Amino acid sequence: MTNVKPILTKYLVGAAVCGIAWGYNVHAFAGEASDVVTELQKSIITIMREGTALGYTGRYRTMAPIVDQTHDLDNVARLVVGRHWKKLTAAQRSTFVRTFRNLSISLYAGRFKDYNGEQLNVRSEQSLKRGKRKLVMTHFVKSDGETIQFHYILHRVNDQWKIISVTVNGVSDLALKRAEYGGILKNEGFSTLIERLQTQIRDNANGL
């Protein structure tokens, strides 16, 4: 029988893209980096509460500028490709970054379309020694009381904190994508990777 827990964890991390949660609650902790996470959560709640009225296209258009504002997708795109990045041409890099951005936004728009009272509380913000980064720790509380831990890592981009990684219950989204994308690039090539991402984008648009 398929082990459901790892699959669920991977889904949660994938849905997080680089920082998704399912709800928003007024948080007790305030800080520059945590404010970025909070802004993201407010927008997610908006598309969840207005999901049907907005439709997929409306949810995508709502989230696109927020994702650009709160995530450093250019850097994340480079990180998830890893050592293969140096082997890509300038045109391939541009194509990958554009496709990865569309995928990230489509995950929000495709999966967050209703709201059942779930909440996310920002618990703390702390400095990390490596790269002058910040760690923002949050708790996602489901309607049945179960708590899932979301840990965001942010760094500075032009004097603004931006999300570069999220860990869900100890599972790193960055590590998952790096392993998956690296394997495809090594064994099947760049075109196949782009095709896989475009398929995921279509599936998100169709609610699959």
C-alpha atoms as a PDB file:
ATOM      1  CA  MET A   1       0.000   0.000   0.000  1.00  0.00           C
ATOM      2  CA  THR A   2       1.211   3.513  -0.792  1.00  0.00           C
ATOM      3  CA  ASN A   3       2.504   5.413   2.230  1.00  0.00           C
ATOM      4  CA  VAL A   4       0.112   8.370   2.413  1.00  0.00           C
ATOM      5  CA  LYS A   5       2.063  10.512   4.891  1.00  0.00           C
ATOM      6  CA  PRO A   6       5.134  11.160   2.676  1.00  0.00           C
ATOM      7  CA  ILE A   7       2.853  11.902  -0.284  1.00  0.00           C
ATOM      8  CA  LEU A   8       0.792  14.331   1.809  1.00  0.00           C
ATOM      9  CA  THR A   9       3.938  16.011   3.100  1.00  0.00           C
ATOM     10  CA  LYS A  10       5.271  16.401  -0.447  1.00  0.00           C
ATOM     11  CA  TYR A  11       1.920  17.861  -1.534  1.00  0.00           C
ATOM     12  CA  LEU A  12       1.970  20.357   1.311  1.00  0.00           C
ATOM     13  CA  VAL A  13       5.505  21.430   0.481  1.00  0.00           C
ATOM     14  CA  GLY A  14       4.731  21.633  -3.212  1.00  0.00           C
ATOM     15  CA  ALA A  15       1.650  23.683  -2.498  1.00  0.00           C
ATOM     16  CA  ALA A  16       3.799  25.976  -0.430  1.00  0.00           C
ATOM     17  CA  VAL A  17       5.895  26.709  -3.487  1.00  0.00           C
ATOM     18  CA  CYS A  18       8.197  28.832  -1.409  1.00  0.00           C
ATOM     19  CA  GLY A  19       5.818  29.800   1.295  1.00  0.00           C
ATOM     20  CA  ILE A  20       2.128  28.875   1.169  1.00  0.00           C
ATOM     21  CA  ALA A  21      -0.211  28.387   4.075  1.00  0.00           C
ATOM     22  CA  TRP A  22      -3.949  27.864   4.269  1.00  0.00           C
ATOM     23  CA  GLY A  23      -5.069  30.576   6.639  1.00  0.00           C
ATOM     24  CA  TYR A  24      -4.313  33.811   8.374  1.00  0.00           C
ATOM     25  CA  ASN A  25      -4.652  34.932  11.956  1.00  0.00           C
ATOM     26  CA  VAL A  26      -3.522  38.140  13.625  1.00  0.00           C
ATOM     27  CA  HIS A  27      -0.027  37.226  14.774  1.00  0.00           C
ATOM     28  CA  ALA A  28       1.600  38.239  18.026  1.00  0.00           C
ATOM     29  CA  PHE A  29       5.047  38.636  16.530  1.00  0.00           C
ATOM     30  CA  ALA A  30       6.071  41.586  14.347  1.00  0.00           C
ATOM     31  CA  GLY A  31       9.212  41.951  12.272  1.00  0.00           C
ATOM     32  CA  GLU A  32      10.291  42.978   8.799  1.00  0.00           C
ATOM     33  CA  ALA A  33      10.631  39.434   7.469  1.00  0.00           C
ATOM     34  CA  SER A  34       7.500  38.159   9.226  1.00  0.00           C
ATOM     35  CA  ASP A  35       5.562  41.081   7.750  1.00  0.00           C
ATOM     36  CA  VAL A  36       6.404  39.740   4.289  1.00  0.00           C
ATOM     37  CA  VAL A  37       5.058  36.307   5.220  1.00  0.00           C
ATOM     38  CA  THR A  38       1.947  37.905   6.712  1.00  0.00           C
ATOM     39  CA  GLU A  39       1.312  39.897   3.530  1.00  0.00           C
ATOM     40  CA  LEU A  40       1.496  36.691   1.531  1.00  0.00           C
ATOM     41  CA  GLN A  41      -0.990  35.001   3.859  1.00  0.00           C
ATOM     42  CA  LYS A  42      -3.499  37.852   3.611  1.00  0.00           C
ATOM     43  CA  SER A  43      -3.518  37.517  -0.162  1.00  0.00           C
ATOM     44  CA  ILE A  44      -3.980  33.763   0.054  1.00  0.00           C
ATOM     45  CA  ILE A  45      -6.972  34.219   2.335  1.00  0.00           C
ATOM     46  CA  THR A  46      -8.420  36.692  -0.154  1.00  0.00           C
ATOM     47  CA  ILE A  47      -8.340  34.228  -3.038  1.00  0.00           C
ATOM     48  CA  MET A  48      -9.644  31.437  -0.799  1.00  0.00           C
ATOM     49  CA  ARG A  49     -12.629  33.437   0.427  1.00  0.00           C
ATOM     50  CA  GLU A  50     -13.395  34.781  -3.038  1.00  0.00           C
ATOM     51  CA  GLY A  51     -12.284  31.678  -4.875  1.00  0.00           C
ATOM     52  CA  THR A  52     -15.456  30.896  -6.826  1.00  0.00           C
ATOM     53  CA  ALA A  53     -16.151  34.487  -7.802  1.00  0.00           C
ATOM     54  CA  LEU A  54     -12.587  35.097  -8.936  1.00  0.00           C
ATOM     55  CA  GLY A  55     -12.168  31.821 -10.795  1.00  0.00           C
ATOM     56  CA  TYR A  56      -8.728  30.475 -11.649  1.00  0.00           C
ATOM     57  CA  THR A  57      -7.794  33.441 -13.838  1.00  0.00           C
ATOM     58  CA  GLY A  58      -8.814  35.956 -11.182  1.00  0.00           C
ATOM     59  CA  ARG A  59      -6.930  34.090  -8.471  1.00  0.00           C
ATOM     60  CA  TYR A  60      -3.848  33.935 -10.703  1.00  0.00           C
ATOM     61  CA  ARG A  61      -3.986  37.657 -11.443  1.00  0.00           C
ATOM     62  CA  THR A  62      -4.437  38.447  -7.745  1.00  0.00           C
ATOM     63  CA  MET A  63      -1.484  36.347  -6.652  1.00  0.00           C
ATOM     64  CA  ALA A  64       0.975  37.193  -9.440  1.00  0.00           C
ATOM     65  CA  PRO A  65       2.119  40.591  -8.089  1.00  0.00           C
ATOM     66  CA  ILE A  66       2.146  39.281  -4.501  1.00  0.00           C
ATOM     67  CA  VAL A  67       4.343  36.333  -5.425  1.00  0.00           C
ATOM     68  CA  ASP A  68       6.709  38.660  -7.273  1.00  0.00           C
ATOM     69  CA  GLN A  69       6.770  40.976  -4.275  1.00  0.00           C
ATOM     70  CA  THR A  70       7.321  38.359  -1.562  1.00  0.00           C
ATOM     71  CA  HIS A  71       9.468  35.714  -3.318  1.00  0.00           C
ATOM     72  CA  ASP A  72      12.917  35.856  -4.886  1.00  0.00           C
ATOM     73  CA  LEU A  73      11.911  33.529  -7.712  1.00  0.00           C
ATOM     74  CA  ASP A  74      14.917  34.333  -9.898  1.00  0.00           C
ATOM     75  CA  ASN A  75      17.252  33.096  -7.199  1.00  0.00           C
ATOM     76  CA  VAL A  76      15.051  30.137  -6.261  1.00  0.00           C
ATOM     77  CA  ALA A  77      14.909  29.064  -9.917  1.00  0.00           C
ATOM     78  CA  ARG A  78      18.696  29.000 -10.020  1.00  0.00           C
ATOM     79  CA  LEU A  79      18.910  27.081  -6.740  1.00  0.00           C
ATOM     80  CA  VAL A  80      16.426  24.361  -7.709  1.00  0.00           C
ATOM     81  CA  VAL A  81      18.386  23.642 -10.894  1.00  0.00           C
ATOM     82  CA  GLY A  82      21.606  23.441  -8.883  1.00  0.00           C
ATOM     83  CA  ARG A  83      24.830  22.575 -10.669  1.00  0.00           C
ATOM     84  CA  HIS A  84      22.941  22.234 -13.969  1.00  0.00           C
ATOM     85  CA  TRP A  85      22.368  26.006 -14.080  1.00  0.00           C
ATOM     86  CA  LYS A  86      25.866  26.646 -15.451  1.00  0.00           C
ATOM     87  CA  LYS A  87      25.213  24.272 -18.336  1.00  0.00           C
ATOM     88  CA  LEU A  88      22.060  26.070 -19.506  1.00  0.00           C
ATOM     89  CA  THR A  89      22.189  28.680 -22.240  1.00  0.00           C
ATOM     90  CA  ALA A  90      20.957  32.218 -21.608  1.00  0.00           C
ATOM     91  CA  ALA A  91      17.769  31.399 -23.532  1.00  0.00           C
ATOM     92  CA  GLN A  92      17.194  28.235 -21.506  1.00  0.00           C
ATOM     93  CA  ARG A  93      17.696  30.101 -18.236  1.00  0.00           C
ATOM     94  CA  SER A  94      15.170  32.720 -19.276  1.00  0.00           C
ATOM     95  CA  THR A  95      12.660  30.048 -20.289  1.00  0.00           C
ATOM     96  CA  PHE A  96      13.108  28.155 -17.043  1.00  0.00           C
ATOM     97  CA  VAL A  97      12.725  31.226 -14.814  1.00  0.00           C
ATOM     98  CA  ARG A  98       9.572  32.283 -16.685  1.00  0.00           C
ATOM     99  CA  THR A  99       8.072  28.785 -16.525  1.00  0.00           C
ATOM    100  CA  PHE A 100       9.000  28.331 -12.870  1.00  0.00           C
ATOM    101  CA  ARG A 101       7.325  31.658 -12.028  1.00  0.00           C
ATOM    102  CA  ASN A 102       4.140  30.604 -13.833  1.00  0.00           C
ATOM    103  CA  LEU A 103       4.177  27.283 -12.010  1.00  0.00           C
ATOM    104  CA  SER A 104       4.608  28.964  -8.630  1.00  0.00           C
ATOM    105  CA  ILE A 105       1.681  31.330  -9.179  1.00  0.00           C
ATOM    106  CA  SER A 106      -0.485  28.573 -10.665  1.00  0.00           C
ATOM    107  CA  LEU A 107      -0.056  26.502  -7.494  1.00  0.00           C
ATOM    108  CA  TYR A 108      -1.623  29.283  -5.435  1.00  0.00           C
ATOM    109  CA  ALA A 109      -4.385  29.950  -7.963  1.00  0.00           C
ATOM    110  CA  GLY A 110      -5.209  26.305  -8.594  1.00  0.00           C
ATOM    111  CA  ARG A 111      -5.227  24.909  -5.064  1.00  0.00           C
ATOM    112  CA  PHE A 112      -6.423  27.726  -2.823  1.00  0.00           C
ATOM    113  CA  LYS A 113     -10.015  28.322  -3.835  1.00  0.00           C
ATOM    114  CA  ASP A 114     -12.080  27.773  -0.674  1.00  0.00           C
ATOM    115  CA  TYR A 115     -11.767  28.519   3.024  1.00  0.00           C
ATOM    116  CA  ASN A 116     -12.864  26.465   6.042  1.00  0.00           C
ATOM    117  CA  GLY A 117     -11.546  28.517   8.936  1.00  0.00           C
ATOM    118  CA  GLU A 118      -7.967  27.259   8.948  1.00  0.00           C
ATOM    119  CA  GLN A 119      -5.460  29.587  10.594  1.00  0.00           C
ATOM    120  CA  LEU A 120      -1.783  30.350  10.379  1.00  0.00           C
ATOM    121  CA  ASN A 121       0.039  32.030  13.243  1.00  0.00           C
ATOM    122  CA  VAL A 122       3.442  33.646  12.844  1.00  0.00           C
ATOM    123  CA  ARG A 123       5.316  32.456  15.921  1.00  0.00           C
ATOM    124  CA  SER A 124       8.770  33.982  15.703  1.00  0.00           C
ATOM    125  CA  GLU A 125      11.438  35.601  13.570  1.00  0.00           C
ATOM    126  CA  GLN A 126      15.140  35.117  14.094  1.00  0.00           C
ATOM    127  CA  SER A 127      18.391  35.978  12.357  1.00  0.00           C
ATOM    128  CA  LEU A 128      20.499  33.285  10.720  1.00  0.00           C
ATOM    129  CA  LYS A 129      24.261  33.628  10.507  1.00  0.00           C
ATOM    130  CA  ARG A 130      24.485  32.269   6.984  1.00  0.00           C
ATOM    131  CA  GLY A 131      24.030  34.963   4.382  1.00  0.00           C
ATOM    132  CA  LYS A 132      22.358  37.372   6.811  1.00  0.00           C
ATOM    133  CA  ARG A 133      19.085  35.524   6.404  1.00  0.00           C
ATOM    134  CA  LYS A 134      15.931  35.453   8.520  1.00  0.00           C
ATOM    135  CA  LEU A 135      13.923  32.457   9.671  1.00  0.00           C
ATOM    136  CA  VAL A 136      10.193  33.012  10.175  1.00  0.00           C
ATOM    137  CA  MET A 137       8.426  30.174  11.978  1.00  0.00           C
ATOM    138  CA  THR A 138       4.687  29.706  11.629  1.00  0.00           C
ATOM    139  CA  HIS A 139       2.015  27.229  12.680  1.00  0.00           C
ATOM    140  CA  PHE A 140      -0.787  26.158  10.383  1.00  0.00           C
ATOM    141  CA  VAL A 141      -3.759  25.027  12.464  1.00  0.00           C
ATOM    142  CA  LYS A 142      -6.300  22.836  10.685  1.00  0.00           C
ATOM    143  CA  SER A 143      -9.989  22.846  11.535  1.00  0.00           C
ATOM    144  CA  ASP A 144      -9.539  19.597  13.505  1.00  0.00           C
ATOM    145  CA  GLY A 145      -6.792  21.174  15.639  1.00  0.00           C
ATOM    146  CA  GLU A 146      -3.838  19.470  13.953  1.00  0.00           C
ATOM    147  CA  THR A 147      -0.814  21.759  13.676  1.00  0.00           C
ATOM    148  CA  ILE A 148       1.647  21.823  10.781  1.00  0.00           C
ATOM    149  CA  GLN A 149       4.896  23.768  11.068  1.00  0.00           C
ATOM    150  CA  PHE A 150       5.959  26.080   8.250  1.00  0.00           C
ATOM    151  CA  HIS A 151       9.471  27.550   8.420  1.00  0.00           C
ATOM    152  CA  TYR A 152      10.329  30.266   5.898  1.00  0.00           C
ATOM    153  CA  ILE A 153      13.825  31.462   5.056  1.00  0.00           C
ATOM    154  CA  LEU A 154      14.136  34.967   3.660  1.00  0.00           C
ATOM    155  CA  HIS A 155      17.031  37.094   2.474  1.00  0.00           C
ATOM    156  CA  ARG A 156      17.531  40.694   1.399  1.00  0.00           C
ATOM    157  CA  VAL A 157      16.949  41.792  -2.188  1.00  0.00           C
ATOM    158  CA  ASN A 158      17.356  45.522  -2.741  1.00  0.00           C
ATOM    159  CA  ASP A 159      16.602  46.284   0.915  1.00  0.00           C
ATOM    160  CA  GLN A 160      13.508  44.062   0.956  1.00  0.00           C
ATOM    161  CA  TRP A 161      13.094  40.669   2.602  1.00  0.00           C
ATOM    162  CA  LYS A 162      12.053  37.941   0.168  1.00  0.00           C
ATOM    163  CA  ILE A 163      11.251  34.236   0.594  1.00  0.00           C
ATOM    164  CA  ILE A 164      13.765  31.782  -0.839  1.00  0.00           C
ATOM    165  CA  SER A 165      12.806  28.545   0.914  1.00  0.00           C
ATOM    166  CA  VAL A 166      10.081  26.882   2.956  1.00  0.00           C
ATOM    167  CA  THR A 167      10.193  23.772   5.106  1.00  0.00           C
ATOM    168  CA  VAL A 168       6.982  21.958   6.039  1.00  0.00           C
ATOM    169  CA  ASN A 169       7.240  19.671   9.067  1.00  0.00           C
ATOM    170  CA  GLY A 170      10.948  19.307   8.416  1.00  0.00           C
ATOM    171  CA  VAL A 171      10.672  18.648   4.663  1.00  0.00           C
ATOM    172  CA  SER A 172      12.432  21.211   2.445  1.00  0.00           C
ATOM    173  CA  ASP A 173      10.645  22.331  -0.717  1.00  0.00           C
ATOM    174  CA  LEU A 174      13.968  23.465  -2.143  1.00  0.00           C
ATOM    175  CA  ALA A 175      15.567  20.065  -1.579  1.00  0.00           C
ATOM    176  CA  LEU A 176      12.621  18.218  -3.141  1.00  0.00           C
ATOM    177  CA  LYS A 177      12.607  20.343  -6.258  1.00  0.00           C
ATOM    178  CA  ARG A 178      16.377  20.255  -6.601  1.00  0.00           C
ATOM    179  CA  ALA A 179      16.377  16.460  -6.519  1.00  0.00           C
ATOM    180  CA  GLU A 180      13.432  16.177  -8.924  1.00  0.00           C
ATOM    181  CA  TYR A 181      14.579  18.775 -11.451  1.00  0.00           C
ATOM    182  CA  GLY A 182      18.198  17.674 -11.315  1.00  0.00           C
ATOM    183  CA  GLY A 183      17.181  14.099 -12.069  1.00  0.00           C
ATOM    184  CA  ILE A 184      15.095  15.140 -15.065  1.00  0.00           C
ATOM    185  CA  LEU A 185      17.856  17.359 -16.461  1.00  0.00           C
ATOM    186  CA  LYS A 186      20.443  14.618 -16.059  1.00  0.00           C
ATOM    187  CA  ASN A 187      18.382  11.767 -17.504  1.00  0.00           C
ATOM    188  CA  GLU A 188      15.878  13.375 -19.876  1.00  0.00           C
ATOM    189  CA  GLY A 189      17.072  16.865 -20.704  1.00  0.00           C
ATOM    190  CA  PHE A 190      15.926  20.458 -20.517  1.00  0.00           C
ATOM    191  CA  SER A 191      12.985  20.181 -22.922  1.00  0.00           C
ATOM    192  CA  THR A 192      11.460  17.375 -20.874  1.00  0.00           C
ATOM    193  CA  LEU A 193      11.774  19.417 -17.672  1.00  0.00           C
ATOM    194  CA  ILE A 194       9.947  22.356 -19.238  1.00  0.00           C
ATOM    195  CA  GLU A 195       7.246  20.019 -20.578  1.00  0.00           C
ATOM    196  CA  ARG A 196       6.751  18.536 -17.098  1.00  0.00           C
ATOM    197  CA  LEU A 197       6.404  21.985 -15.526  1.00  0.00           C
ATOM    198  CA  GLN A 198       3.965  23.119 -18.213  1.00  0.00           C
ATOM    199  CA  THR A 199       1.879  19.996 -17.596  1.00  0.00           C
ATOM    200  CA  GLN A 200       1.769  20.857 -13.891  1.00  0.00           C
ATOM    201  CA  ILE A 201       0.659  24.397 -14.755  1.00  0.00           C
ATOM    202  CA  ARG A 202      -2.186  23.055 -16.896  1.00  0.00           C
ATOM    203  CA  ASP A 203      -3.194  20.624 -14.156  1.00  0.00           C
ATOM    204  CA  ASN A 204      -3.315  23.468 -11.631  1.00  0.00           C
ATOM    205  CA  ALA A 205      -5.496  25.525 -13.967  1.00  0.00           C
ATOM    206  CA  ASN A 206      -7.844  22.552 -14.355  1.00  0.00           C
ATOM    207  CA  GLY A 207      -7.996  21.861 -10.633  1.00  0.00           C
ATOM    208  CA  LEU A 208      -6.173  18.524 -10.894  1.00  0.00           C
END
